[in-house]
């Protein structure tokens, strides 16, 4: 049984130039790209409130409405004693100027990418992030 459980949310934000991805610097120094999002804090009133906060912190964009969840993922690391549940939602409206100023220091770059570029950028991210997102985008 998992000792540590938490909820994470991810955002599918699509603009005229493609899908919004952020570049994350992990604790071990490695880099990977994913959709914006993060851990939902106990102080967040809801998953969507937490997701809105995370997107604004990581990208400077303020989401005004959500659709979903589009899909959910549960990742379990039995040997490490944790379970993570992730909800992924689609932004139906957003405003602001893209900027990276993550208070957690994890997100170091961001941009909107075409489908070909999305495939290339997601090659190094966690399988539980990449596979359901690619499947969703294919439909």
Protein backbone atom coordinates (compact mmCIF):
# COMPACT_ATOMS: atom_id res chain seq x y z
CA UNK A 1 0.00 0.00 0.00
CA UNK A 2 1.27 3.49 -0.90
CA UNK A 3 2.43 5.65 1.98
CA UNK A 4 2.42 8.87 -0.04
CA UNK A 5 -0.50 9.84 -2.25
CA UNK A 6 -1.01 13.05 -4.13
CA UNK A 7 -3.04 14.61 -6.92
CA UNK A 8 -1.48 16.30 -9.91
CA UNK A 9 -3.21 18.13 -12.76
CA UNK A 10 -2.03 18.80 -16.29
CA UNK A 11 -3.23 21.39 -18.79
CA UNK A 12 -3.79 20.99 -22.50
CA UNK A 13 -3.50 24.56 -23.79
CA UNK A 14 -3.83 24.94 -27.56
CA UNK A 15 -3.07 28.21 -29.32
CA UNK A 16 -2.75 29.33 -32.93
CA UNK A 17 0.88 28.11 -32.94
CA UNK A 18 0.16 24.67 -31.48
CA UNK A 19 0.24 22.95 -28.09
CA UNK A 20 1.78 24.63 -25.05
CA UNK A 21 4.65 22.65 -23.52
CA UNK A 22 7.01 23.52 -20.69
CA UNK A 23 10.60 22.37 -20.16
CA UNK A 24 11.20 20.97 -16.66
CA UNK A 25 14.54 20.69 -14.88
CA UNK A 26 14.31 17.61 -12.64
CA UNK A 27 16.09 17.11 -9.30
CA UNK A 28 18.80 15.04 -10.99
CA UNK A 29 19.44 17.85 -13.50
CA UNK A 30 17.76 16.12 -16.45
CA UNK A 31 15.36 18.04 -18.69
CA UNK A 32 12.04 16.97 -20.15
CA UNK A 33 9.04 18.63 -21.76
CA UNK A 34 5.42 18.21 -20.70
CA UNK A 35 2.19 20.14 -20.58
CA UNK A 36 2.05 22.72 -17.77
CA UNK A 37 0.61 21.68 -14.42
CA UNK A 38 1.66 20.29 -11.11
CA UNK A 39 0.79 19.16 -7.63
CA UNK A 40 -2.58 20.29 -6.28
CA UNK A 41 -1.93 21.87 -2.88
CA UNK A 42 -4.10 21.37 0.20
CA UNK A 43 -4.77 25.13 0.06
CA UNK A 44 -6.28 24.89 -3.44
CA UNK A 45 -10.09 25.01 -3.31
CA UNK A 46 -10.33 22.45 -6.14
CA UNK A 47 -8.26 20.61 -8.73
CA UNK A 48 -9.15 23.27 -11.31
CA UNK A 49 -8.19 26.10 -8.96
CA UNK A 50 -4.84 24.41 -8.40
CA UNK A 51 -4.37 23.79 -12.12
CA UNK A 52 -5.19 27.42 -12.91
CA UNK A 53 -2.60 28.51 -10.31
CA UNK A 54 0.05 26.13 -11.69
CA UNK A 55 -0.45 27.25 -15.31
CA UNK A 56 -0.19 30.92 -14.32
CA UNK A 57 2.90 30.30 -12.17
CA UNK A 58 4.68 28.32 -14.88
CA UNK A 59 3.67 30.26 -18.00
CA UNK A 60 2.12 33.60 -17.05
CA UNK A 61 -1.12 32.60 -18.81
CA UNK A 62 -4.43 32.92 -16.99
CA UNK A 63 -6.95 30.24 -17.91
CA UNK A 64 -10.56 31.44 -17.84
CA UNK A 65 -12.31 28.12 -18.38
CA UNK A 66 -11.66 24.39 -18.40
CA UNK A 67 -13.08 21.30 -20.11
CA UNK A 68 -12.65 17.82 -18.79
CA UNK A 69 -11.07 15.92 -17.36
CA UNK A 70 -9.96 14.68 -20.78
CA UNK A 71 -8.33 11.68 -19.15
CA UNK A 72 -6.85 10.54 -15.85
CA UNK A 73 -3.67 8.63 -15.09
CA UNK A 74 -2.66 6.80 -11.93
CA UNK A 75 1.04 6.07 -11.45
CA UNK A 76 2.15 3.77 -8.63
CA UNK A 77 5.69 3.15 -7.45
CA UNK A 78 5.26 0.23 -5.08
CA UNK A 79 8.95 0.01 -4.18
CA UNK A 80 9.08 3.75 -3.42
CA UNK A 81 5.76 3.73 -1.56
CA UNK A 82 3.87 6.36 -3.55
CA UNK A 83 0.78 6.78 -5.71
CA UNK A 84 0.06 9.77 -7.91
CA UNK A 85 -3.28 10.52 -9.56
CA UNK A 86 -3.25 12.99 -12.45
CA UNK A 87 -6.24 14.70 -14.06
CA UNK A 88 -5.69 16.36 -17.44
CA UNK A 89 -8.01 19.21 -18.48
CA UNK A 90 -8.21 21.36 -21.61
CA UNK A 91 -8.17 25.14 -21.40
CA UNK A 92 -11.14 26.52 -23.33
CA UNK A 93 -10.00 30.12 -22.95
CA UNK A 94 -6.83 31.80 -21.77
CA UNK A 95 -5.18 35.21 -21.83
CA UNK A 96 -1.85 36.81 -21.12
CA UNK A 97 1.68 36.79 -22.45
CA UNK A 98 3.77 33.65 -22.29
CA UNK A 99 6.59 34.07 -19.76
CA UNK A 100 8.57 31.67 -17.61
CA UNK A 101 8.97 32.68 -13.97
CA UNK A 102 8.25 29.46 -12.05
CA UNK A 103 8.49 30.08 -8.29
CA UNK A 104 9.44 26.41 -7.84
CA UNK A 105 12.35 26.77 -10.28
CA UNK A 106 11.33 23.64 -12.17
CA UNK A 107 10.00 25.14 -15.42
CA UNK A 108 12.85 26.77 -17.35
CA UNK A 109 11.32 27.26 -20.82
CA UNK A 110 7.92 27.18 -22.53
CA UNK A 111 6.46 27.48 -25.99
CA UNK A 112 3.70 26.49 -28.38
CA UNK A 113 4.67 23.60 -30.66
CA UNK A 114 3.35 22.00 -33.84
CA UNK A 115 2.38 18.29 -33.76
CA UNK A 116 5.76 17.22 -35.17
CA UNK A 117 7.63 19.29 -32.59
CA UNK A 118 5.36 17.97 -29.81
CA UNK A 119 6.33 14.38 -30.66
CA UNK A 120 10.04 15.27 -30.57
CA UNK A 121 9.80 17.24 -27.31
CA UNK A 122 7.83 14.52 -25.50
CA UNK A 123 10.37 11.81 -26.34
CA UNK A 124 12.17 12.26 -23.00
CA UNK A 125 9.22 12.79 -20.66
CA UNK A 126 7.71 10.19 -18.37
CA UNK A 127 5.83 7.44 -20.25
CA UNK A 128 2.70 8.04 -18.13
CA UNK A 129 2.73 11.67 -19.38
CA UNK A 130 3.66 11.05 -23.02
CA UNK A 131 1.50 8.07 -23.97
CA UNK A 132 -1.97 9.27 -22.92
CA UNK A 133 -1.26 12.77 -24.25
CA UNK A 134 -0.16 11.47 -27.65
CA UNK A 135 -3.23 9.20 -27.74
CA UNK A 136 -5.52 12.14 -26.87
CA UNK A 137 -3.89 14.38 -29.52
CA UNK A 138 -4.27 11.67 -32.17
CA UNK A 139 -8.05 11.79 -31.76
